[in-house]
Amino acid sequence: NTNITYYYDLVPDAPEEYGNVVVDYQDKKGNTIAPRVVDTPDSKVGTNYDTTDHKPTRITTADGKVYRIDTKATQGQESGKIVKGTTRVVYVYDEVLGDVTVHYKDEDGKVIKGPEKDTTGAPINTVYDTRDHAYKTITTKDGRTYEIVPEKTQGLEQGRVVEGNTDVTYIYKQVFGDVVVHYVDTEGNVIAEDKEDTKGASLNAKYDTTDNKPATITTKDGRT
């Protein structure tokens, strides 16, 4: 019998590999809006992970700005298996903005002037004040004049911007005027009763008192 013997060295096990998963939060410009979160600390390669439990739909920053997630802009794989090194998932957010619009109506709800933008595309919680748009009087194209009725204002004149549009409506009443004709002698004595030439007319409306301008007046005591 012939014997042949092979000798072997013991090969040590290959070292285990590890990786982790981190989540970052950014706006559309790439600015960080919240601290990084470690979703999965160092774990063996092949371990399952899922970052959706670290996926808020809204984030409010320390300065009061509000952001809303854009799910279509997410960077990286939200779930999968750990690979060697660091896996990074980035959730991307739009800043939530709001407008403030001022409207002008009469007491019947009719628009007397086009709306004005007090605030456009402002961050949520921005302070606004529409009082600089509260005109004391408004004259329409047809010459009618209106004056504001402060106690009927609709909406908050001062506040903080919210998502979407905030409406503030100022209510006005039309201003009317009368024309009264008086009759006195050269010494200022009344010699005839007053006459109402025009009553409740719109401001700037034309008037003419010459039809109430008699050439002579005879008083009750017979004086002419």
Protein backbone atom coordinates (compact mmCIF):
# COMPACT_ATOMS: atom_id res chain seq x y z
CA ASN A 1 0.00 0.00 0.00
CA THR A 2 1.27 3.46 -0.93
CA ASN A 3 0.08 6.38 1.26
CA ILE A 4 -0.11 10.03 0.13
CA THR A 5 -0.94 12.68 2.76
CA TYR A 6 -2.06 16.30 2.06
CA TYR A 7 -1.56 18.95 4.76
CA TYR A 8 -3.86 22.05 5.14
CA ASP A 9 -3.57 25.37 6.95
CA LEU A 10 -6.63 26.65 8.88
CA VAL A 11 -8.06 29.68 7.04
CA PRO A 12 -9.67 32.26 9.45
CA ASP A 13 -13.28 33.36 8.79
CA ALA A 14 -13.62 36.48 6.65
CA PRO A 15 -14.32 39.57 8.83
CA GLU A 16 -17.99 40.63 8.95
CA GLU A 17 -18.87 43.86 7.14
CA TYR A 18 -21.10 46.61 8.56
CA GLY A 19 -23.00 49.64 7.30
CA ASN A 20 -25.44 52.26 8.53
CA VAL A 21 -28.34 54.38 7.20
CA VAL A 22 -28.77 58.12 7.78
CA VAL A 23 -31.62 60.47 6.85
CA ASP A 24 -31.15 64.14 5.91
CA TYR A 25 -33.80 66.87 5.45
CA GLN A 26 -33.35 69.63 2.88
CA ASP A 27 -35.29 72.31 1.07
CA LYS A 28 -35.34 72.61 -2.73
CA LYS A 29 -32.18 74.70 -2.62
CA GLY A 30 -30.27 72.04 -0.72
CA ASN A 31 -30.32 73.82 2.61
CA THR A 32 -30.60 71.66 5.73
CA ILE A 33 -33.90 72.31 7.54
CA ALA A 34 -33.69 69.66 10.30
CA PRO A 35 -30.92 67.68 12.00
CA ARG A 36 -29.70 64.41 10.49
CA VAL A 37 -31.29 61.25 11.85
CA VAL A 38 -29.50 57.90 12.13
CA ASP A 39 -32.16 55.47 10.98
CA THR A 40 -30.02 52.36 11.35
CA PRO A 41 -26.75 52.41 13.34
CA ASP A 42 -23.88 50.13 12.35
CA SER A 43 -25.43 46.79 11.40
CA LYS A 44 -24.34 43.73 9.46
CA VAL A 45 -24.43 43.95 5.70
CA GLY A 46 -27.70 42.46 4.47
CA THR A 47 -29.77 43.67 7.43
CA ASN A 48 -33.14 45.12 6.39
CA TYR A 49 -33.81 48.85 6.89
CA ASP A 50 -36.75 51.23 6.31
CA THR A 51 -36.53 55.01 6.77
CA THR A 52 -40.25 55.82 6.36
CA ASP A 53 -40.67 56.13 10.14
CA HIS A 54 -38.38 59.16 9.88
CA LYS A 55 -40.38 60.83 7.11
CA PRO A 56 -42.47 63.72 8.53
CA THR A 57 -44.89 65.31 6.09
CA ARG A 58 -44.18 68.75 7.59
CA ILE A 59 -41.25 70.35 9.35
CA THR A 60 -41.34 73.61 11.31
CA THR A 61 -37.94 75.21 11.79
CA ALA A 62 -36.78 77.16 14.82
CA ASP A 63 -37.50 80.45 13.05
CA GLY A 64 -41.12 79.44 12.46
CA LYS A 65 -40.88 78.52 8.78
CA VAL A 66 -42.99 75.56 7.69
CA TYR A 67 -42.01 73.02 5.06
CA ARG A 68 -44.09 70.36 3.28
CA ILE A 69 -42.53 67.19 1.86
CA ASP A 70 -42.29 66.60 -1.88
CA THR A 71 -42.39 62.82 -2.02
CA LYS A 72 -41.35 62.80 -5.67
CA ALA A 73 -38.08 64.55 -4.84
CA THR A 74 -36.80 61.98 -2.31
CA GLN A 75 -33.17 61.03 -2.89
CA GLY A 76 -31.91 57.53 -2.13
CA GLN A 77 -33.65 54.24 -1.40
CA GLU A 78 -36.08 54.46 1.51
CA SER A 79 -36.00 50.73 2.24
CA GLY A 80 -33.69 47.86 1.40
CA LYS A 81 -30.71 46.02 2.83
CA ILE A 82 -27.66 47.42 4.55
CA VAL A 83 -24.59 47.72 2.39
CA LYS A 84 -21.05 48.40 3.46
CA GLY A 85 -20.50 52.00 4.46
CA THR A 86 -23.19 54.69 4.81
CA THR A 87 -26.49 54.71 2.96
CA ARG A 88 -27.96 58.21 2.75
CA VAL A 89 -31.63 59.03 2.22
CA VAL A 90 -32.62 62.68 1.67
CA TYR A 91 -36.18 63.91 2.10
CA VAL A 92 -36.81 67.13 0.17
CA TYR A 93 -39.33 69.78 1.22
CA ASP A 94 -41.09 72.83 -0.25
CA GLU A 95 -41.44 75.88 1.93
CA VAL A 96 -45.12 76.54 2.67
CA LEU A 97 -46.06 80.09 1.68
CA GLY A 98 -49.12 82.28 1.87
CA ASP A 99 -50.69 85.44 0.47
CA VAL A 100 -52.84 88.19 1.96
CA THR A 101 -55.37 89.85 -0.35
CA VAL A 102 -57.40 92.98 0.36
CA HIS A 103 -60.87 93.45 -1.17
CA TYR A 104 -63.13 96.51 -1.40
CA LYS A 105 -66.94 96.23 -1.41
CA ASP A 106 -69.97 98.36 -0.68
CA GLU A 107 -72.56 97.47 1.93
CA ASP A 108 -74.45 95.37 -0.64
CA GLY A 109 -71.39 93.29 -1.44
CA LYS A 110 -70.64 94.98 -4.76
CA VAL A 111 -66.99 95.36 -5.67
CA ILE A 112 -66.06 99.05 -5.86
CA LYS A 113 -62.32 98.64 -6.40
CA GLY A 114 -60.06 95.87 -7.61
CA PRO A 115 -58.31 93.69 -5.00
CA GLU A 116 -54.80 94.51 -3.80
CA LYS A 117 -52.08 92.15 -2.63
CA ASP A 118 -50.84 93.08 0.81
CA THR A 119 -48.47 90.10 1.07
CA THR A 120 -47.35 87.73 -1.69
CA GLY A 121 -45.49 84.43 -1.27
CA ALA A 122 -44.56 85.03 2.36
CA PRO A 123 -43.36 82.28 4.71
CA ILE A 124 -45.93 80.89 7.12
CA ASN A 125 -46.13 82.85 10.41
CA THR A 126 -44.85 86.06 8.79
CA VAL A 127 -46.54 89.06 10.43
CA TYR A 128 -48.83 91.06 8.13
CA ASP A 129 -50.82 94.30 8.51
CA THR A 130 -53.33 95.46 5.89
CA ARG A 131 -54.19 98.80 7.50
CA ASP A 132 -52.09 100.67 4.94
CA HIS A 133 -54.64 99.42 2.37
CA ALA A 134 -57.65 100.69 4.35
CA TYR A 135 -58.41 103.85 2.34
CA LYS A 136 -60.72 106.31 4.08
CA THR A 137 -62.52 107.08 0.83
CA ILE A 138 -62.67 105.53 -2.61
CA THR A 139 -63.92 107.27 -5.75
CA THR A 140 -65.06 104.93 -8.52
CA LYS A 141 -64.61 105.50 -12.23
CA ASP A 142 -68.20 106.71 -12.53
CA GLY A 143 -67.51 109.44 -9.97
CA ARG A 144 -69.19 107.90 -6.94
CA THR A 145 -67.48 108.38 -3.62
CA TYR A 146 -67.48 105.85 -0.80
CA GLU A 147 -66.22 106.09 2.76
CA ILE A 148 -65.00 103.18 4.85
CA VAL A 149 -67.14 101.60 7.59
CA PRO A 150 -64.41 100.27 9.93
CA GLU A 151 -66.71 98.19 12.13
CA LYS A 152 -67.84 96.15 9.12
CA THR A 153 -64.35 95.03 8.09
CA GLN A 154 -64.26 91.30 7.30
CA GLY A 155 -61.18 89.28 8.23
CA LEU A 156 -58.18 90.07 10.40
CA GLU A 157 -56.33 93.25 9.50
CA GLN A 158 -53.29 92.12 11.50
CA GLY A 159 -52.04 88.60 11.99
CA ARG A 160 -49.67 85.95 10.72
CA VAL A 161 -49.58 84.45 7.26
CA VAL A 162 -51.11 81.00 6.93
CA GLU A 163 -50.92 78.50 4.10
CA GLY A 164 -52.85 79.61 1.02
CA ASN A 165 -54.61 82.95 0.87
CA THR A 166 -55.95 85.16 3.65
CA ASP A 167 -58.71 87.58 2.63
CA VAL A 168 -59.43 90.92 4.29
CA THR A 169 -62.43 92.86 3.00
CA TYR A 170 -63.06 96.53 3.71
CA ILE A 171 -66.68 97.65 3.51
CA TYR A 172 -67.69 101.11 2.29
CA LYS A 173 -70.87 103.15 2.17
CA GLN A 174 -71.62 105.61 -0.58
CA VAL A 175 -71.29 109.26 0.35
CA PHE A 176 -74.16 111.53 -0.69
CA GLY A 177 -74.60 115.27 -0.66
CA ASP A 178 -77.41 117.85 -0.66
CA VAL A 179 -77.63 121.31 -2.19
CA VAL A 180 -79.78 123.84 -0.31
CA VAL A 181 -80.60 127.36 -1.53
CA HIS A 182 -80.98 130.18 1.00
CA TYR A 183 -82.50 133.64 0.45
CA VAL A 184 -81.28 136.62 2.48
CA ASP A 185 -81.18 140.37 2.09
CA THR A 186 -77.97 142.36 1.97
CA GLU A 187 -77.94 142.52 5.73
CA GLY A 188 -78.19 138.73 6.08
CA ASN A 189 -81.85 138.59 7.09
CA VAL A 190 -83.83 135.60 5.81
CA ILE A 191 -86.49 136.75 3.35
CA ALA A 192 -87.77 133.36 2.09
CA GLU A 193 -87.79 129.72 3.07
CA ASP A 194 -84.86 127.56 2.05
CA LYS A 195 -85.27 125.35 -0.98
CA GLU A 196 -83.68 121.93 -1.42
CA ASP A 197 -82.26 121.98 -4.90
CA THR A 198 -80.57 118.53 -4.78
CA LYS A 199 -80.99 115.80 -2.20
CA GLY A 200 -78.99 112.58 -1.66
CA ALA A 201 -76.89 112.97 -4.78
CA SER A 202 -73.61 111.20 -5.39
CA LEU A 203 -70.52 113.23 -4.72
CA ASN A 204 -69.28 114.98 -7.85
CA ALA A 205 -72.75 114.85 -9.40
CA LYS A 206 -73.54 118.07 -11.25
CA TYR A 207 -76.07 120.50 -9.85
CA ASP A 208 -77.59 123.80 -10.98
CA THR A 209 -79.52 126.11 -8.63
CA THR A 210 -80.45 128.72 -11.22
CA ASP A 211 -83.97 127.32 -11.43
CA ASN A 212 -84.35 128.34 -7.78
CA LYS A 213 -83.13 131.89 -8.37
CA PRO A 214 -86.13 134.20 -8.55
CA ALA A 215 -85.40 137.74 -9.70
CA THR A 216 -87.64 139.19 -6.97
CA ILE A 217 -89.07 137.96 -3.70
CA THR A 218 -92.07 139.37 -1.86
CA THR A 219 -92.04 138.73 1.86
CA LYS A 220 -95.10 138.03 3.99
CA ASP A 221 -95.14 141.60 5.19
CA GLY A 222 -95.36 142.85 1.60
CA ARG A 223 -91.80 143.93 1.08
CA THR A 224 -90.29 143.18 -2.32
